[in-house]
C-alpha cells in the first residue's frame, strides 16, 4: 500500500466518523460547502497526513520506505567507490 492510498483511507474513515460525506474527497468538492465543513475537512486531511508520516518513520518496511532507503544507500556506496577509484 502506498502512502497516498493509506492517507486517503484514513481521510475517508475520519470523514465518515465526523459525519461528513465521502463522495468527493478532493478539495474542490469541499470548497463548495460551508466554512465549518471545509475547516473540518482540512483538519482531517492534515491529521491523516501527519499520521502516515509517523507510521512511515516508525515502520520503515511499510510503504516501500525500506526499499527506497536501501536503494539510496547502494547508490551512495557506488558513488563513493567511483570517487575513490578516480
PDB file of N, CA and C in Angstrom:
ATOM      1  N   UNK A   1       0.848  -1.172   0.000  1.00  0.00           N
ATOM      2  CA  UNK A   1       0.000   0.000   0.000  1.00  0.00           C
ATOM      3  C   UNK A   1       0.897   1.239   0.000  1.00  0.00           C
ATOM      4  N   UNK A   2       0.561   2.166  -0.820  1.00  0.00           N
ATOM      5  CA  UNK A   2       1.354   3.392  -0.896  1.00  0.00           C
ATOM      6  C   UNK A   2       0.919   4.383   0.175  1.00  0.00           C
ATOM      7  N   UNK A   3       1.740   5.397   0.364  1.00  0.00           N
ATOM      8  CA  UNK A   3       1.421   6.427   1.356  1.00  0.00           C
ATOM      9  C   UNK A   3       0.126   7.147   0.999  1.00  0.00           C
ATOM     10  N   UNK A   4      -0.047   7.429  -0.289  1.00  0.00           N
ATOM     11  CA  UNK A   4      -1.224   8.182  -0.724  1.00  0.00           C
ATOM     12  C   UNK A   4      -2.504   7.387  -0.475  1.00  0.00           C
ATOM     13  N   UNK A   5      -2.487   6.095  -0.810  1.00  0.00           N
ATOM     14  CA  UNK A   5      -3.698   5.299  -0.599  1.00  0.00           C
ATOM     15  C   UNK A   5      -3.993   5.126   0.890  1.00  0.00           C
ATOM     16  N   UNK A   6      -2.955   4.981   1.708  1.00  0.00           N
ATOM     17  CA  UNK A   6      -3.174   4.883   3.156  1.00  0.00           C
ATOM     18  C   UNK A   6      -3.747   6.183   3.702  1.00  0.00           C
ATOM     19  N   UNK A   7      -3.224   7.299   3.209  1.00  0.00           N
ATOM     20  CA  UNK A   7      -3.718   8.603   3.658  1.00  0.00           C
ATOM     21  C   UNK A   7      -5.174   8.807   3.254  1.00  0.00           C
ATOM     22  N   UNK A   8      -5.532   8.412   2.034  1.00  0.00           N
ATOM     23  CA  UNK A   8      -6.910   8.571   1.576  1.00  0.00           C
ATOM     24  C   UNK A   8      -7.864   7.684   2.380  1.00  0.00           C
ATOM     25  N   UNK A   9      -7.424   6.470   2.738  1.00  0.00           N
ATOM     26  CA  UNK A   9      -8.262   5.604   3.581  1.00  0.00           C
ATOM     27  C   UNK A   9      -8.497   6.245   4.939  1.00  0.00           C
ATOM     28  N   UNK A  10      -7.443   6.825   5.517  1.00  0.00           N
ATOM     29  CA  UNK A  10      -7.597   7.494   6.809  1.00  0.00           C
ATOM     30  C   UNK A  10      -8.529   8.694   6.704  1.00  0.00           C
ATOM     31  N   UNK A  11      -8.405   9.450   5.619  1.00  0.00           N
ATOM     32  CA  UNK A  11      -9.271  10.617   5.420  1.00  0.00           C
ATOM     33  C   UNK A  11     -10.725  10.173   5.310  1.00  0.00           C
ATOM     34  N   UNK A  12     -10.985   9.137   4.508  1.00  0.00           N
ATOM     35  CA  UNK A  12     -12.362   8.659   4.353  1.00  0.00           C
ATOM     36  C   UNK A  12     -12.941   8.162   5.669  1.00  0.00           C
ATOM     37  N   UNK A  13     -12.136   7.422   6.440  1.00  0.00           N
ATOM     38  CA  UNK A  13     -12.628   6.929   7.731  1.00  0.00           C
ATOM     39  C   UNK A  13     -12.942   8.071   8.680  1.00  0.00           C
ATOM     40  N   UNK A  14     -12.087   9.073   8.723  1.00  0.00           N
ATOM     41  CA  UNK A  14     -12.327  10.219   9.605  1.00  0.00           C
ATOM     42  C   UNK A  14     -13.539  11.028   9.150  1.00  0.00           C
ATOM     43  N   UNK A  15     -13.729  11.151   7.834  1.00  0.00           N
ATOM     44  CA  UNK A  15     -14.901  11.862   7.319  1.00  0.00           C
ATOM     45  C   UNK A  15     -16.182  11.141   7.717  1.00  0.00           C
ATOM     46  N   UNK A  16     -16.176   9.813   7.586  1.00  0.00           N
ATOM     47  CA  UNK A  16     -17.352   9.033   7.991  1.00  0.00           C
ATOM     48  C   UNK A  16     -17.618   9.199   9.482  1.00  0.00           C
ATOM     49  N   UNK A  17     -16.542   9.153  10.268  1.00  0.00           N
ATOM     50  CA  UNK A  17     -16.681   9.264  11.723  1.00  0.00           C
ATOM     51  C   UNK A  17     -17.247  10.621  12.130  1.00  0.00           C
ATOM     52  N   UNK A  18     -16.840  11.679  11.414  1.00  0.00           N
ATOM     53  CA  UNK A  18     -17.309  13.021  11.774  1.00  0.00           C
ATOM     54  C   UNK A  18     -18.645  13.375  11.129  1.00  0.00           C
ATOM     55  N   UNK A  19     -19.163  12.503  10.268  1.00  0.00           N
ATOM     56  CA  UNK A  19     -20.478  12.733   9.682  1.00  0.00           C
ATOM     57  C   UNK A  19     -20.461  13.529   8.389  1.00  0.00           C
ATOM     58  N   UNK A  20     -19.287  13.771   7.827  1.00  0.00           N
ATOM     59  CA  UNK A  20     -19.198  14.489   6.551  1.00  0.00           C
ATOM     60  C   UNK A  20     -19.284  13.496   5.396  1.00  0.00           C
ATOM     61  N   UNK A  21     -19.791  13.918   4.239  1.00  0.00           N
ATOM     62  CA  UNK A  21     -19.902  12.995   3.107  1.00  0.00           C
ATOM     63  C   UNK A  21     -18.525  12.645   2.539  1.00  0.00           C
ATOM     64  N   UNK A  22     -18.414  11.435   2.015  1.00  0.00           N
ATOM     65  CA  UNK A  22     -17.146  10.985   1.433  1.00  0.00           C
ATOM     66  C   UNK A  22     -17.225  10.877  -0.085  1.00  0.00           C
ATOM     67  N   UNK A  23     -18.279  11.395  -0.670  1.00  0.00           N
ATOM     68  CA  UNK A  23     -18.486  11.253  -2.113  1.00  0.00           C
ATOM     69  C   UNK A  23     -17.335  11.852  -2.904  1.00  0.00           C
ATOM     70  N   UNK A  24     -16.929  13.047  -2.586  1.00  0.00           N
ATOM     71  CA  UNK A  24     -15.793  13.665  -3.260  1.00  0.00           C
ATOM     72  C   UNK A  24     -14.782  14.087  -2.216  1.00  0.00           C
ATOM     73  N   UNK A  25     -13.696  13.357  -2.100  1.00  0.00           N
ATOM     74  CA  UNK A  25     -12.730  13.677  -1.049  1.00  0.00           C
ATOM     75  C   UNK A  25     -11.679  14.665  -1.537  1.00  0.00           C
ATOM     76  N   UNK A  26     -11.880  15.197  -2.717  1.00  0.00           N
ATOM     77  CA  UNK A  26     -10.947  16.201  -3.217  1.00  0.00           C
ATOM     78  C   UNK A  26     -11.313  17.573  -2.666  1.00  0.00           C
ATOM     79  N   UNK A  27     -10.355  18.455  -2.630  1.00  0.00           N
ATOM     80  CA  UNK A  27     -10.558  19.791  -2.053  1.00  0.00           C
ATOM     81  C   UNK A  27     -11.633  20.572  -2.798  1.00  0.00           C
ATOM     82  N   UNK A  28     -11.743  20.349  -4.088  1.00  0.00           N
ATOM     83  CA  UNK A  28     -12.708  21.106  -4.873  1.00  0.00           C
ATOM     84  C   UNK A  28     -14.137  20.837  -4.410  1.00  0.00           C
ATOM     85  N   UNK A  29     -14.420  19.612  -3.988  1.00  0.00           N
ATOM     86  CA  UNK A  29     -15.766  19.283  -3.516  1.00  0.00           C
ATOM     87  C   UNK A  29     -16.077  19.996  -2.212  1.00  0.00           C
ATOM     88  N   UNK A  30     -15.080  20.127  -1.354  1.00  0.00           N
ATOM     89  CA  UNK A  30     -15.328  20.718  -0.046  1.00  0.00           C
ATOM     90  C   UNK A  30     -15.306  22.233  -0.071  1.00  0.00           C
ATOM     91  N   UNK A  31     -14.802  22.805  -1.107  1.00  0.00           N
ATOM     92  CA  UNK A  31     -14.839  24.267  -1.210  1.00  0.00           C
ATOM     93  C   UNK A  31     -16.246  24.765  -1.509  1.00  0.00           C
ATOM     94  N   UNK A  32     -17.109  23.884  -1.975  1.00  0.00           N
ATOM     95  CA  UNK A  32     -18.497  24.259  -2.242  1.00  0.00           C
ATOM     96  C   UNK A  32     -19.333  24.249  -0.964  1.00  0.00           C
ATOM     97  N   UNK A  33     -18.785  23.699   0.116  1.00  0.00           N
ATOM     98  CA  UNK A  33     -19.528  23.600   1.369  1.00  0.00           C
ATOM     99  C   UNK A  33     -19.269  24.816   2.246  1.00  0.00           C
ATOM    100  N   UNK A  34     -19.899  24.830   3.401  1.00  0.00           N
ATOM    101  CA  UNK A  34     -19.726  25.977   4.291  1.00  0.00           C
ATOM    102  C   UNK A  34     -18.344  25.954   4.955  1.00  0.00           C
ATOM    103  N   UNK A  35     -18.014  27.031   5.611  1.00  0.00           N
ATOM    104  CA  UNK A  35     -16.674  27.214   6.165  1.00  0.00           C
ATOM    105  C   UNK A  35     -16.325  26.170   7.226  1.00  0.00           C
ATOM    106  N   UNK A  36     -17.279  25.841   8.086  1.00  0.00           N
ATOM    107  CA  UNK A  36     -17.012  24.882   9.168  1.00  0.00           C
ATOM    108  C   UNK A  36     -16.689  23.495   8.615  1.00  0.00           C
ATOM    109  N   UNK A  37     -17.430  23.074   7.590  1.00  0.00           N
ATOM    110  CA  UNK A  37     -17.162  21.767   6.991  1.00  0.00           C
ATOM    111  C   UNK A  37     -15.820  21.763   6.268  1.00  0.00           C
ATOM    112  N   UNK A  38     -15.511  22.861   5.589  1.00  0.00           N
ATOM    113  CA  UNK A  38     -14.225  22.954   4.900  1.00  0.00           C
ATOM    114  C   UNK A  38     -13.072  22.931   5.905  1.00  0.00           C
ATOM    115  N   UNK A  39     -13.248  23.635   7.003  1.00  0.00           N
ATOM    116  CA  UNK A  39     -12.230  23.674   8.057  1.00  0.00           C
ATOM    117  C   UNK A  39     -12.025  22.283   8.652  1.00  0.00           C
ATOM    118  N   UNK A  40     -13.130  21.593   8.929  1.00  0.00           N
ATOM    119  CA  UNK A  40     -13.053  20.235   9.487  1.00  0.00           C
ATOM    120  C   UNK A  40     -12.360  19.297   8.514  1.00  0.00           C
ATOM    121  N   UNK A  41     -12.665  19.403   7.220  1.00  0.00           N
ATOM    122  CA  UNK A  41     -12.039  18.559   6.211  1.00  0.00           C
ATOM    123  C   UNK A  41     -10.536  18.794   6.172  1.00  0.00           C
ATOM    124  N   UNK A  42     -10.119  20.056   6.231  1.00  0.00           N
ATOM    125  CA  UNK A  42      -8.696  20.375   6.207  1.00  0.00           C
ATOM    126  C   UNK A  42      -7.995  19.788   7.432  1.00  0.00           C
ATOM    127  N   UNK A  43      -8.615  19.865   8.603  1.00  0.00           N
ATOM    128  CA  UNK A  43      -8.026  19.303   9.818  1.00  0.00           C
ATOM    129  C   UNK A  43      -7.880  17.790   9.704  1.00  0.00           C
ATOM    130  N   UNK A  44      -8.890  17.142   9.148  1.00  0.00           N
ATOM    131  CA  UNK A  44      -8.840  15.690   8.967  1.00  0.00           C
ATOM    132  C   UNK A  44      -7.720  15.321   8.006  1.00  0.00           C
ATOM    133  N   UNK A  45      -7.602  16.060   6.919  1.00  0.00           N
ATOM    134  CA  UNK A  45      -6.563  15.782   5.928  1.00  0.00           C
ATOM    135  C   UNK A  45      -5.171  15.954   6.536  1.00  0.00           C
ATOM    136  N   UNK A  46      -4.977  17.010   7.291  1.00  0.00           N
ATOM    137  CA  UNK A  46      -3.685  17.277   7.924  1.00  0.00           C
ATOM    138  C   UNK A  46      -3.344  16.191   8.947  1.00  0.00           C
ATOM    139  N   UNK A  47      -4.336  15.780   9.725  1.00  0.00           N
ATOM    140  CA  UNK A  47      -4.132  14.741  10.735  1.00  0.00           C
ATOM    141  C   UNK A  47      -3.742  13.417  10.073  1.00  0.00           C
ATOM    142  N   UNK A  48      -4.417  13.059   8.986  1.00  0.00           N
ATOM    143  CA  UNK A  48      -4.109  11.816   8.278  1.00  0.00           C
ATOM    144  C   UNK A  48      -2.707  11.864   7.685  1.00  0.00           C
ATOM    145  N   UNK A  49      -2.337  12.991   7.111  1.00  0.00           N
ATOM    146  CA  UNK A  49      -1.001  13.132   6.524  1.00  0.00           C
ATOM    147  C   UNK A  49       0.078  12.974   7.599  1.00  0.00           C
ATOM    148  N   UNK A  50      -0.107  13.631   8.727  1.00  0.00           N
ATOM    149  CA  UNK A  50       0.869  13.528   9.815  1.00  0.00           C
ATOM    150  C   UNK A  50       0.963  12.101  10.345  1.00  0.00           C
ATOM    151  N   UNK A  51      -0.176  11.429  10.447  1.00  0.00           N
ATOM    152  CA  UNK A  51      -0.185  10.052  10.954  1.00  0.00           C
ATOM    153  C   UNK A  51       0.537   9.110   9.997  1.00  0.00           C
ATOM    154  N   UNK A  52       0.338   9.277   8.705  1.00  0.00           N
ATOM    155  CA  UNK A  52       1.015   8.428   7.727  1.00  0.00           C
ATOM    156  C   UNK A  52       2.525   8.663   7.784  1.00  0.00           C
ATOM    157  N   UNK A  53       2.948   9.906   7.944  1.00  0.00           N
ATOM    158  CA  UNK A  53       4.379  10.197   8.068  1.00  0.00           C
ATOM    159  C   UNK A  53       4.962   9.557   9.327  1.00  0.00           C
ATOM    160  N   UNK A  54       4.222   9.606  10.438  1.00  0.00           N
ATOM    161  CA  UNK A  54       4.674   8.964  11.674  1.00  0.00           C
ATOM    162  C   UNK A  54       4.820   7.458  11.475  1.00  0.00           C
ATOM    163  N   UNK A  55       3.840   6.844  10.812  1.00  0.00           N
ATOM    164  CA  UNK A  55       3.901   5.407  10.567  1.00  0.00           C
ATOM    165  C   UNK A  55       5.067   5.046   9.654  1.00  0.00           C
ATOM    166  N   UNK A  56       5.336   5.871   8.654  1.00  0.00           N
ATOM    167  CA  UNK A  56       6.446   5.601   7.742  1.00  0.00           C
ATOM    168  C   UNK A  56       7.786   5.673   8.471  1.00  0.00           C
ATOM    169  N   UNK A  57       7.901   6.587   9.427  1.00  0.00           N
ATOM    170  CA  UNK A  57       9.141   6.680  10.202  1.00  0.00           C
ATOM    171  C   UNK A  57       9.262   5.525  11.188  1.00  0.00           C
ATOM    172  N   UNK A  58       8.155   5.134  11.797  1.00  0.00           N
ATOM    173  CA  UNK A  58       8.176   4.066  12.796  1.00  0.00           C
ATOM    174  C   UNK A  58       8.386   2.692  12.167  1.00  0.00           C
ATOM    175  N   UNK A  59       7.821   2.483  10.986  1.00  0.00           N
ATOM    176  CA  UNK A  59       7.917   1.196  10.308  1.00  0.00           C
ATOM    177  C   UNK A  59       8.515   1.398   8.917  1.00  0.00           C
ATOM    178  N   UNK A  60       9.842   1.361   8.806  1.00  0.00           N
ATOM    179  CA  UNK A  60      10.466   1.635   7.505  1.00  0.00           C
ATOM    180  C   UNK A  60      10.136   0.601   6.432  1.00  0.00           C
ATOM    181  N   UNK A  61       9.673  -0.590   6.828  1.00  0.00           N
ATOM    182  CA  UNK A  61       9.310  -1.597   5.830  1.00  0.00           C
ATOM    183  C   UNK A  61       7.958  -1.299   5.191  1.00  0.00           C
ATOM    184  N   UNK A  62       7.140  -0.500   5.841  1.00  0.00           N
ATOM    185  CA  UNK A  62       5.827  -0.151   5.295  1.00  0.00           C
ATOM    186  C   UNK A  62       5.985   0.891   4.195  1.00  0.00           C
ATOM    187  N   UNK A  63       5.088   0.907   3.259  1.00  0.00           N
ATOM    188  CA  UNK A  63       5.024   1.904   2.185  1.00  0.00           C
ATOM    189  C   UNK A  63       6.257   1.887   1.286  1.00  0.00           C
ATOM    190  N   UNK A  64       7.071   0.827   1.324  1.00  0.00           N
ATOM    191  CA  UNK A  64       8.242   0.755   0.459  1.00  0.00           C
ATOM    192  C   UNK A  64       9.382   1.661   0.871  1.00  0.00           C
ATOM    193  N   UNK A  65       9.341   2.203   2.076  1.00  0.00           N
ATOM    194  CA  UNK A  65      10.397   3.111   2.533  1.00  0.00           C
ATOM    195  C   UNK A  65      11.728   2.381   2.648  1.00  0.00           C
ATOM    196  N   UNK A  66      11.698   1.142   3.140  1.00  0.00           N
ATOM    197  CA  UNK A  66      12.939   0.402   3.335  1.00  0.00           C
ATOM    198  C   UNK A  66      13.635   0.170   2.002  1.00  0.00           C
ATOM    199  N   UNK A  67      12.852  -0.206   1.003  1.00  0.00           N
ATOM    200  CA  UNK A  67      13.423  -0.465  -0.315  1.00  0.00           C
ATOM    201  C   UNK A  67      14.042   0.808  -0.883  1.00  0.00           C
ATOM    202  N   UNK A  68      13.362   1.933  -0.706  1.00  0.00           N
ATOM    203  CA  UNK A  68      13.871   3.206  -1.200  1.00  0.00           C
ATOM    204  C   UNK A  68      15.162   3.581  -0.465  1.00  0.00           C
ATOM    205  N   UNK A  69      15.185   3.407   0.860  1.00  0.00           N
ATOM    206  CA  UNK A  69      16.382   3.726   1.647  1.00  0.00           C
ATOM    207  C   UNK A  69      17.538   2.818   1.251  1.00  0.00           C
ATOM    208  N   UNK A  70      17.234   1.548   1.030  1.00  0.00           N
ATOM    209  CA  UNK A  70      18.268   0.592   0.632  1.00  0.00           C
ATOM    210  C   UNK A  70      18.834   0.978  -0.731  1.00  0.00           C
ATOM    211  N   UNK A  71      17.960   1.351  -1.656  1.00  0.00           N
ATOM    212  CA  UNK A  71      18.406   1.766  -2.982  1.00  0.00           C
ATOM    213  C   UNK A  71      19.272   3.018  -2.888  1.00  0.00           C
ATOM    214  N   UNK A  72      18.861   3.972  -2.067  1.00  0.00           N
ATOM    215  CA  UNK A  72      19.652   5.193  -1.886  1.00  0.00           C
ATOM    216  C   UNK A  72      21.015   4.879  -1.299  1.00  0.00           C
ATOM    217  N   UNK A  73      21.058   3.970  -0.326  1.00  0.00           N
ATOM    218  CA  UNK A  73      22.335   3.607   0.295  1.00  0.00           C
ATOM    219  C   UNK A  73      23.260   2.944  -0.718  1.00  0.00           C
ATOM    220  N   UNK A  74      22.701   2.059  -1.556  1.00  0.00           N
ATOM    221  CA  UNK A  74      23.516   1.407  -2.584  1.00  0.00           C
ATOM    222  C   UNK A  74      24.028   2.424  -3.596  1.00  0.00           C
ATOM    223  N   UNK A  75      23.196   3.380  -3.967  1.00  0.00           N
ATOM    224  CA  UNK A  75      23.603   4.409  -4.920  1.00  0.00           C
ATOM    225  C   UNK A  75      24.747   5.249  -4.352  1.00  0.00           C
ATOM    226  N   UNK A  76      24.636   5.647  -3.092  1.00  0.00           N
ATOM    227  CA  UNK A  76      25.692   6.445  -2.458  1.00  0.00           C
ATOM    228  C   UNK A  76      26.972   5.632  -2.351  1.00  0.00           C
ATOM    229  N   UNK A  77      26.828   4.349  -2.039  1.00  0.00           N
ATOM    230  CA  UNK A  77      28.001   3.477  -1.939  1.00  0.00           C
ATOM    231  C   UNK A  77      28.713   3.370  -3.284  1.00  0.00           C
ATOM    232  N   UNK A  78      27.957   3.238  -4.365  1.00  0.00           N
ATOM    233  CA  UNK A  78      28.556   3.171  -5.700  1.00  0.00           C
ATOM    234  C   UNK A  78      29.245   4.476  -6.051  1.00  0.00           C
ATOM    235  N   UNK A  79      28.643   5.592  -5.690  1.00  0.00           N
ATOM    236  CA  UNK A  79      29.265   6.890  -5.958  1.00  0.00           C
ATOM    237  C   UNK A  79      30.587   7.030  -5.214  1.00  0.00           C
ATOM    238  N   UNK A  80      30.622   6.619  -3.964  1.00  0.00           N
ATOM    239  CA  UNK A  80      31.862   6.743  -3.191  1.00  0.00           C
ATOM    240  C   UNK A  80      32.932   5.820  -3.739  1.00  0.00           C
ATOM    241  N   UNK A  81      32.558   4.646  -4.235  1.00  0.00           N
ATOM    242  CA  UNK A  81      33.541   3.743  -4.857  1.00  0.00           C
ATOM    243  C   UNK A  81      34.139   4.381  -6.103  1.00  0.00           C
ATOM    244  N   UNK A  82      33.303   5.013  -6.913  1.00  0.00           N
ATOM    245  CA  UNK A  82      33.793   5.664  -8.134  1.00  0.00           C
ATOM    246  C   UNK A  82      34.751   6.796  -7.798  1.00  0.00           C
ATOM    247  N   UNK A  83      34.417   7.563  -6.759  1.00  0.00           N
ATOM    248  CA  UNK A  83      35.278   8.680  -6.379  1.00  0.00           C
ATOM    249  C   UNK A  83      36.610   8.187  -5.844  1.00  0.00           C
ATOM    250  N   UNK A  84      36.612   7.064  -5.125  1.00  0.00           N
ATOM    251  CA  UNK A  84      37.857   6.510  -4.586  1.00  0.00           C
ATOM    252  C   UNK A  84      38.724   5.987  -5.719  1.00  0.00           C
ATOM    253  N   UNK A  85      38.110   5.340  -6.712  1.00  0.00           N
ATOM    254  CA  UNK A  85      38.864   4.789  -7.839  1.00  0.00           C
ATOM    255  C   UNK A  85      39.390   5.879  -8.756  1.00  0.00           C
ATOM    256  N   UNK A  86      38.742   7.005  -8.813  1.00  0.00           N
ATOM    257  CA  UNK A  86      39.146   8.072  -9.737  1.00  0.00           C
ATOM    258  C   UNK A  86      40.344   8.840  -9.243  1.00  0.00           C
TER     259      UNK A  86
END
